[in-house]
Amino acid sequence: MRQWIGLWLLAVNAAGFLLMGSDKRRAILRAQRVPERVFLLLSVLGGAAGVLAGMVSFRHKTKHGKFALGVPAILLAQILLGFWLLARG
């Protein structure tokens, strides 16, 4: 079970990171953008670290409050949940 969770987290974080880079490029080219709700959904589904890494790496959406505050808050909640689940055994 833990292996599947690890694969899921790897996939959703990679998707969040790559989509953030893609959206930054689309913003520069003035092309159709990735909806913000997609990034927030990926964050909630376990990809907050990837989305945050993409925000920092690509300097994208860092001034939007729901991203600058929301994504780190989601990540912190996920880290705390992970520690809690590990402590339970």
C-alpha atoms as a PDB file:
ATOM      1  CA  MET A   1       0.000   0.000   0.000  1.00  0.00           C
ATOM      2  CA  ARG A   2       2.803   2.428   0.890  1.00  0.00           C
ATOM      3  CA  GLN A   3       4.400   1.794  -2.483  1.00  0.00           C
ATOM      4  CA  TRP A   4       1.209   2.897  -4.265  1.00  0.00           C
ATOM      5  CA  ILE A   5       0.983   6.002  -2.108  1.00  0.00           C
ATOM      6  CA  GLY A   6       4.597   6.828  -2.931  1.00  0.00           C
ATOM      7  CA  LEU A   7       3.962   6.392  -6.660  1.00  0.00           C
ATOM      8  CA  TRP A   8       0.836   8.552  -6.427  1.00  0.00           C
ATOM      9  CA  LEU A   9       2.710  11.322  -4.618  1.00  0.00           C
ATOM     10  CA  LEU A  10       5.541  11.187  -7.137  1.00  0.00           C
ATOM     11  CA  ALA A  11       3.120  11.418 -10.065  1.00  0.00           C
ATOM     12  CA  VAL A  12       0.919  14.191  -8.675  1.00  0.00           C
ATOM     13  CA  ASN A  13       3.927  16.284  -7.606  1.00  0.00           C
ATOM     14  CA  ALA A  14       5.597  15.856 -10.993  1.00  0.00           C
ATOM     15  CA  ALA A  15       2.342  16.850 -12.683  1.00  0.00           C
ATOM     16  CA  GLY A  16       2.027  19.955 -10.486  1.00  0.00           C
ATOM     17  CA  PHE A  17       5.596  21.019 -11.182  1.00  0.00           C
ATOM     18  CA  LEU A  18       5.385  20.441 -14.937  1.00  0.00           C
ATOM     19  CA  LEU A  19       1.984  22.133 -15.225  1.00  0.00           C
ATOM     20  CA  MET A  20       3.297  25.180 -13.395  1.00  0.00           C
ATOM     21  CA  GLY A  21       6.127  25.430 -15.926  1.00  0.00           C
ATOM     22  CA  SER A  22       3.723  24.920 -18.795  1.00  0.00           C
ATOM     23  CA  ASP A  23       1.351  27.592 -17.492  1.00  0.00           C
ATOM     24  CA  LYS A  24       4.216  30.062 -17.096  1.00  0.00           C
ATOM     25  CA  ARG A  25       5.190  29.463 -20.722  1.00  0.00           C
ATOM     26  CA  ARG A  26       1.562  29.836 -21.828  1.00  0.00           C
ATOM     27  CA  ALA A  27       1.335  33.114 -19.903  1.00  0.00           C
ATOM     28  CA  ILE A  28       4.386  34.464 -21.722  1.00  0.00           C
ATOM     29  CA  LEU A  29       2.973  33.372 -25.091  1.00  0.00           C
ATOM     30  CA  ARG A  30      -0.508  34.652 -24.197  1.00  0.00           C
ATOM     31  CA  ALA A  31      -1.929  31.211 -24.963  1.00  0.00           C
ATOM     32  CA  GLN A  32      -4.777  29.377 -23.233  1.00  0.00           C
ATOM     33  CA  ARG A  33      -3.899  28.965 -19.554  1.00  0.00           C
ATOM     34  CA  VAL A  34      -4.267  26.184 -17.027  1.00  0.00           C
ATOM     35  CA  PRO A  35      -7.171  27.033 -14.680  1.00  0.00           C
ATOM     36  CA  GLU A  36      -6.086  27.960 -11.146  1.00  0.00           C
ATOM     37  CA  ARG A  37      -8.437  25.356  -9.700  1.00  0.00           C
ATOM     38  CA  VAL A  38      -6.328  22.643 -11.368  1.00  0.00           C
ATOM     39  CA  PHE A  39      -3.258  23.719  -9.383  1.00  0.00           C
ATOM     40  CA  LEU A  40      -5.252  23.901  -6.164  1.00  0.00           C
ATOM     41  CA  LEU A  41      -6.824  20.490  -6.799  1.00  0.00           C
ATOM     42  CA  LEU A  42      -3.425  18.933  -7.485  1.00  0.00           C
ATOM     43  CA  SER A  43      -2.164  20.511  -4.258  1.00  0.00           C
ATOM     44  CA  VAL A  44      -5.015  19.068  -2.217  1.00  0.00           C
ATOM     45  CA  LEU A  45      -4.559  15.647  -3.821  1.00  0.00           C
ATOM     46  CA  GLY A  46      -0.982  15.466  -2.541  1.00  0.00           C
ATOM     47  CA  GLY A  47       0.931  17.590  -5.056  1.00  0.00           C
ATOM     48  CA  ALA A  48       1.478  20.697  -2.955  1.00  0.00           C
ATOM     49  CA  ALA A  49       5.253  20.196  -2.870  1.00  0.00           C
ATOM     50  CA  GLY A  50       5.435  19.969  -6.666  1.00  0.00           C
ATOM     51  CA  VAL A  51       3.202  22.981  -7.184  1.00  0.00           C
ATOM     52  CA  LEU A  52       5.218  24.991  -4.666  1.00  0.00           C
ATOM     53  CA  ALA A  53       8.507  23.937  -6.264  1.00  0.00           C
ATOM     54  CA  GLY A  54       7.105  24.998  -9.633  1.00  0.00           C
ATOM     55  CA  MET A  55       5.995  28.341  -8.243  1.00  0.00           C
ATOM     56  CA  VAL A  56       9.482  29.044  -6.935  1.00  0.00           C
ATOM     57  CA  SER A  57      11.402  27.579  -9.899  1.00  0.00           C
ATOM     58  CA  PHE A  58       9.383  29.348 -12.570  1.00  0.00           C
ATOM     59  CA  ARG A  59       8.540  32.436 -10.492  1.00  0.00           C
ATOM     60  CA  HIS A  60       4.895  31.911 -11.312  1.00  0.00           C
ATOM     61  CA  LYS A  61       1.807  32.790  -9.254  1.00  0.00           C
ATOM     62  CA  THR A  62       3.964  33.799  -6.299  1.00  0.00           C
ATOM     63  CA  LYS A  63       2.057  37.052  -5.772  1.00  0.00           C
ATOM     64  CA  HIS A  64      -1.400  35.458  -5.805  1.00  0.00           C
ATOM     65  CA  GLY A  65      -2.559  35.163  -2.186  1.00  0.00           C
ATOM     66  CA  LYS A  66      -4.341  31.865  -2.614  1.00  0.00           C
ATOM     67  CA  PHE A  67      -1.121  30.387  -3.976  1.00  0.00           C
ATOM     68  CA  ALA A  68       1.477  32.215  -1.871  1.00  0.00           C
ATOM     69  CA  LEU A  69      -0.380  31.316   1.329  1.00  0.00           C
ATOM     70  CA  GLY A  70      -2.662  28.464   0.326  1.00  0.00           C
ATOM     71  CA  VAL A  71      -0.198  26.040  -1.244  1.00  0.00           C
ATOM     72  CA  PRO A  72       2.314  26.213   1.649  1.00  0.00           C
ATOM     73  CA  ALA A  73      -0.579  25.782   4.111  1.00  0.00           C
ATOM     74  CA  ILE A  74      -1.782  22.707   2.226  1.00  0.00           C
ATOM     75  CA  LEU A  75       1.768  21.340   2.177  1.00  0.00           C
ATOM     76  CA  LEU A  76       2.162  21.905   5.924  1.00  0.00           C
ATOM     77  CA  ALA A  77      -1.144  20.125   6.569  1.00  0.00           C
ATOM     78  CA  GLN A  78      -0.002  17.211   4.401  1.00  0.00           C
ATOM     79  CA  ILE A  79       3.330  16.958   6.210  1.00  0.00           C
ATOM     80  CA  LEU A  80       1.597  16.968   9.596  1.00  0.00           C
ATOM     81  CA  LEU A  81      -0.869  14.338   8.377  1.00  0.00           C
ATOM     82  CA  GLY A  82       2.020  12.206   7.137  1.00  0.00           C
ATOM     83  CA  PHE A  83       3.810  12.389  10.489  1.00  0.00           C
ATOM     84  CA  TRP A  84       0.582  11.581  12.298  1.00  0.00           C
ATOM     85  CA  LEU A  85      -0.085   8.547  10.080  1.00  0.00           C
ATOM     86  CA  LEU A  86       3.488   7.320  10.519  1.00  0.00           C
ATOM     87  CA  ALA A  87       3.248   7.700  14.300  1.00  0.00           C
ATOM     88  CA  ARG A  88       0.068   5.615  14.329  1.00  0.00           C
ATOM     89  CA  GLY A  89       1.879   2.775  12.637  1.00  0.00           C
END
